[in-house]
């Protein structure tokens, strides 16, 4: 792979990561509610989901799902059901959020797993990587699989750095509004609404 090609790939990846989307929305909401550290852990989970989809592309599983409507629909509904479950939990516990207790509302391990599942169960992410990564690879090359894996890793790395920066910024904003009354309840409800909207978008597209 030429350096110029990698440069174009990284530029496109950064722009795609910065574009408003479900991952950014939920990451900002979670970081405001539970702090920067929780946001960074969530970012690690989200990019782990990206690496999972990269592996599926490399091994051809993505192509199978794309060509099998039943598998695609099953994965879509499973992902939407999981998001709706998270939304229900967030709305149910909204009144229990206390901003002064950053990171204790949900353990870091649970936050990481949530990030992984949010992306791993989203077929739109899978099909995006199936369409995006091969554009920068010489498919006639014997090392095409390794090139796709390398590009997937690069995408995940830059996404983690950007997501972490967003989490830190949200965490600093959070410190400025800690004393606002009822804000914890508002953020909890916002988290639930955001998750429900992501689920709705997944089902409707």
Protein backbone atom coordinates (compact mmCIF):
# COMPACT_ATOMS: atom_id res chain seq x y z
CA UNK A 1 0.00 0.00 0.00
CA UNK A 2 1.34 3.42 -0.98
CA UNK A 3 1.77 6.16 1.61
CA UNK A 4 -0.52 8.47 -0.35
CA UNK A 5 -3.28 5.87 -0.33
CA UNK A 6 -2.95 5.47 3.42
CA UNK A 7 -3.10 9.24 3.84
CA UNK A 8 -6.37 9.44 1.89
CA UNK A 9 -7.75 6.60 3.98
CA UNK A 10 -6.86 8.28 7.28
CA UNK A 11 -8.30 11.62 6.13
CA UNK A 12 -11.57 9.96 5.12
CA UNK A 13 -11.64 7.98 8.37
CA UNK A 14 -11.21 11.08 10.53
CA UNK A 15 -13.98 12.92 8.69
CA UNK A 16 -16.32 9.94 9.00
CA UNK A 17 -15.57 9.61 12.72
CA UNK A 18 -16.17 13.31 13.37
CA UNK A 19 -19.46 13.30 11.47
CA UNK A 20 -22.45 13.35 13.86
CA UNK A 21 -23.66 9.82 14.40
CA UNK A 22 -25.02 7.36 16.98
CA UNK A 23 -21.60 6.57 18.48
CA UNK A 24 -20.75 10.25 18.99
CA UNK A 25 -24.16 11.08 20.39
CA UNK A 26 -24.15 8.27 22.93
CA UNK A 27 -20.51 8.82 23.86
CA UNK A 28 -21.12 12.49 24.64
CA UNK A 29 -24.26 11.70 26.62
CA UNK A 30 -22.55 9.00 28.65
CA UNK A 31 -19.47 11.15 29.32
CA UNK A 32 -21.64 14.03 30.54
CA UNK A 33 -23.56 11.69 32.82
CA UNK A 34 -20.72 9.56 34.23
CA UNK A 35 -17.47 11.38 33.49
CA UNK A 36 -14.56 11.27 31.05
CA UNK A 37 -13.16 7.95 32.27
CA UNK A 38 -16.44 6.20 31.61
CA UNK A 39 -16.53 7.82 28.18
CA UNK A 40 -13.04 6.58 27.36
CA UNK A 41 -13.95 3.05 28.43
CA UNK A 42 -17.05 3.24 26.25
CA UNK A 43 -14.86 4.44 23.37
CA UNK A 44 -12.64 1.37 23.83
CA UNK A 45 -15.71 -0.84 23.61
CA UNK A 46 -17.01 0.90 20.49
CA UNK A 47 -13.70 0.53 18.65
CA UNK A 48 -13.47 -3.11 19.75
CA UNK A 49 -16.75 -3.54 17.90
CA UNK A 50 -15.07 -1.96 14.87
CA UNK A 51 -12.24 -4.49 15.08
CA UNK A 52 -14.82 -7.27 15.33
CA UNK A 53 -16.45 -6.13 12.10
CA UNK A 54 -13.05 -5.82 10.44
CA UNK A 55 -12.41 -9.49 11.21
CA UNK A 56 -15.79 -10.39 9.72
CA UNK A 57 -14.90 -8.52 6.53
CA UNK A 58 -11.52 -10.25 6.31
CA UNK A 59 -13.06 -13.71 6.72
CA UNK A 60 -15.95 -13.04 4.34
CA UNK A 61 -18.72 -13.25 6.91
CA UNK A 62 -19.87 -9.73 6.01
CA UNK A 63 -20.41 -10.75 2.40
CA UNK A 64 -22.53 -13.69 3.56
CA UNK A 65 -24.72 -11.44 5.72
CA UNK A 66 -25.08 -8.96 2.89
CA UNK A 67 -26.22 -11.69 0.51
CA UNK A 68 -28.55 -13.33 3.06
CA UNK A 69 -31.51 -11.05 3.85
CA UNK A 70 -32.72 -13.22 6.72
CA UNK A 71 -29.35 -13.00 8.50
CA UNK A 72 -29.21 -9.24 7.99
CA UNK A 73 -32.75 -8.71 9.32
CA UNK A 74 -32.12 -11.00 12.30
CA UNK A 75 -28.97 -9.10 13.25
CA UNK A 76 -30.74 -5.75 12.79
CA UNK A 77 -33.64 -6.68 15.06
CA UNK A 78 -31.31 -8.18 17.65
CA UNK A 79 -29.28 -4.99 17.74
CA UNK A 80 -32.39 -2.80 17.95
CA UNK A 81 -33.81 -4.94 20.76
CA UNK A 82 -30.57 -4.57 22.73
CA UNK A 83 -30.59 -0.78 22.28
CA UNK A 84 -34.22 -0.55 23.35
CA UNK A 85 -33.41 -2.62 26.44
CA UNK A 86 -30.60 -0.17 27.31
CA UNK A 87 -32.96 2.74 26.70
CA UNK A 88 -35.55 1.23 29.03
CA UNK A 89 -32.93 0.73 31.75
CA UNK A 90 -31.66 4.30 31.37
CA UNK A 91 -35.14 5.80 31.56
CA UNK A 92 -36.08 3.59 34.50
CA UNK A 93 -33.01 4.61 36.55
CA UNK A 94 -32.85 8.25 35.43
CA UNK A 95 -33.88 9.55 38.82
CA UNK A 96 -31.01 7.67 40.50
CA UNK A 97 -28.15 9.42 38.65
CA UNK A 98 -25.88 11.46 40.90
CA UNK A 99 -23.27 13.43 39.00
CA UNK A 100 -21.00 13.67 42.03
CA UNK A 101 -20.46 9.90 41.88
CA UNK A 102 -18.74 9.61 38.52
CA UNK A 103 -18.21 6.13 37.25
CA UNK A 104 -20.10 4.30 40.00
CA UNK A 105 -23.46 4.09 38.26
CA UNK A 106 -22.21 1.35 35.94
CA UNK A 107 -18.96 -0.58 36.25
CA UNK A 108 -16.26 -0.01 33.65
CA UNK A 109 -16.46 -3.63 32.51
CA UNK A 110 -20.18 -3.29 31.86
CA UNK A 111 -19.63 -0.01 30.00
CA UNK A 112 -16.97 -1.65 27.81
CA UNK A 113 -19.21 -4.60 26.99
CA UNK A 114 -22.04 -2.22 26.16
CA UNK A 115 -19.83 -0.41 23.65
CA UNK A 116 -18.73 -3.67 22.05
CA UNK A 117 -22.28 -4.97 21.68
CA UNK A 118 -23.64 -1.67 20.37
CA UNK A 119 -21.37 -1.90 17.34
CA UNK A 120 -21.10 -5.68 17.05
CA UNK A 121 -24.89 -6.05 16.78
CA UNK A 122 -25.27 -3.24 14.25
CA UNK A 123 -25.34 -4.62 10.67
CA UNK A 124 -25.02 -1.10 9.26
CA UNK A 125 -21.51 -0.88 10.70
CA UNK A 126 -20.66 -4.26 9.22
CA UNK A 127 -21.87 -3.32 5.73
CA UNK A 128 -20.13 0.05 5.95
CA UNK A 129 -16.77 -1.61 6.50
CA UNK A 130 -17.52 -4.15 3.79
CA UNK A 131 -18.00 -1.26 1.35
CA UNK A 132 -15.38 1.16 2.75
CA UNK A 133 -12.23 -0.84 3.48
CA UNK A 134 -11.82 -2.60 0.10
CA UNK A 135 -11.83 0.80 -1.66
CA UNK A 136 -8.26 1.33 -0.42
CA UNK A 137 -6.98 -2.18 -1.09
CA UNK A 138 -5.58 -3.83 -4.21
CA UNK A 139 -7.94 -6.80 -4.17
CA UNK A 140 -5.84 -8.72 -6.71
CA UNK A 141 -2.98 -8.68 -4.22
CA UNK A 142 -2.21 -11.87 -2.28
CA UNK A 143 -2.10 -9.77 0.90
CA UNK A 144 -5.54 -8.15 0.46
CA UNK A 145 -6.80 -9.71 3.68
CA UNK A 146 -3.87 -8.36 5.66
CA UNK A 147 -4.32 -4.93 4.10
CA UNK A 148 -7.99 -4.86 5.13
CA UNK A 149 -7.03 -5.92 8.66
CA UNK A 150 -4.38 -3.17 8.84
CA UNK A 151 -6.82 -0.53 7.59
CA UNK A 152 -9.44 -1.68 10.08
CA UNK A 153 -6.89 -1.33 12.89
CA UNK A 154 -5.94 2.17 11.70
CA UNK A 155 -9.61 3.18 11.56
CA UNK A 156 -10.19 1.83 15.07
CA UNK A 157 -7.09 3.61 16.43
CA UNK A 158 -8.02 7.03 15.08
CA UNK A 159 -11.62 6.51 16.20
CA UNK A 160 -10.46 5.71 19.74
CA UNK A 161 -8.30 8.86 19.87
CA UNK A 162 -11.15 11.05 18.62
CA UNK A 163 -13.75 9.41 20.85
CA UNK A 164 -11.44 9.79 23.86
CA UNK A 165 -10.93 13.49 23.09
CA UNK A 166 -14.70 13.94 22.90
CA UNK A 167 -15.10 12.14 26.24
CA UNK A 168 -12.49 14.38 27.90
CA UNK A 169 -14.17 17.52 26.55
CA UNK A 170 -17.57 16.32 27.76
CA UNK A 171 -16.04 15.46 31.13
CA UNK A 172 -14.74 19.01 31.50
CA UNK A 173 -18.13 20.46 30.62
CA UNK A 174 -19.62 18.10 33.18
CA UNK A 175 -17.44 19.60 35.92
CA UNK A 176 -18.87 23.02 35.17
CA UNK A 177 -22.46 21.89 35.70
CA UNK A 178 -22.12 19.49 38.63
CA UNK A 179 -24.13 21.68 40.97
CA UNK A 180 -27.13 22.08 38.73
CA UNK A 181 -30.17 20.54 40.38
CA UNK A 182 -32.06 17.80 38.57
CA UNK A 183 -29.38 17.64 35.87
CA UNK A 184 -28.62 14.02 36.65
CA UNK A 185 -32.23 13.09 36.04
CA UNK A 186 -32.25 15.05 32.78
CA UNK A 187 -29.08 13.33 31.53
CA UNK A 188 -30.46 9.92 32.43
CA UNK A 189 -33.59 10.60 30.42
CA UNK A 190 -31.49 11.99 27.57
CA UNK A 191 -29.40 8.81 27.52
CA UNK A 192 -32.55 6.70 27.25
CA UNK A 193 -33.99 8.87 24.48
CA UNK A 194 -30.73 8.79 22.51
CA UNK A 195 -30.58 5.00 22.71
CA UNK A 196 -34.21 4.71 21.65
CA UNK A 197 -33.61 7.00 18.66
CA UNK A 198 -30.58 4.94 17.59
CA UNK A 199 -32.71 1.80 17.77
CA UNK A 200 -35.46 3.46 15.75
CA UNK A 201 -32.98 4.57 13.08
CA UNK A 202 -31.59 1.05 12.87
CA UNK A 203 -35.06 -0.41 12.37
CA UNK A 204 -36.29 2.16 9.86
CA UNK A 205 -33.29 2.14 7.49
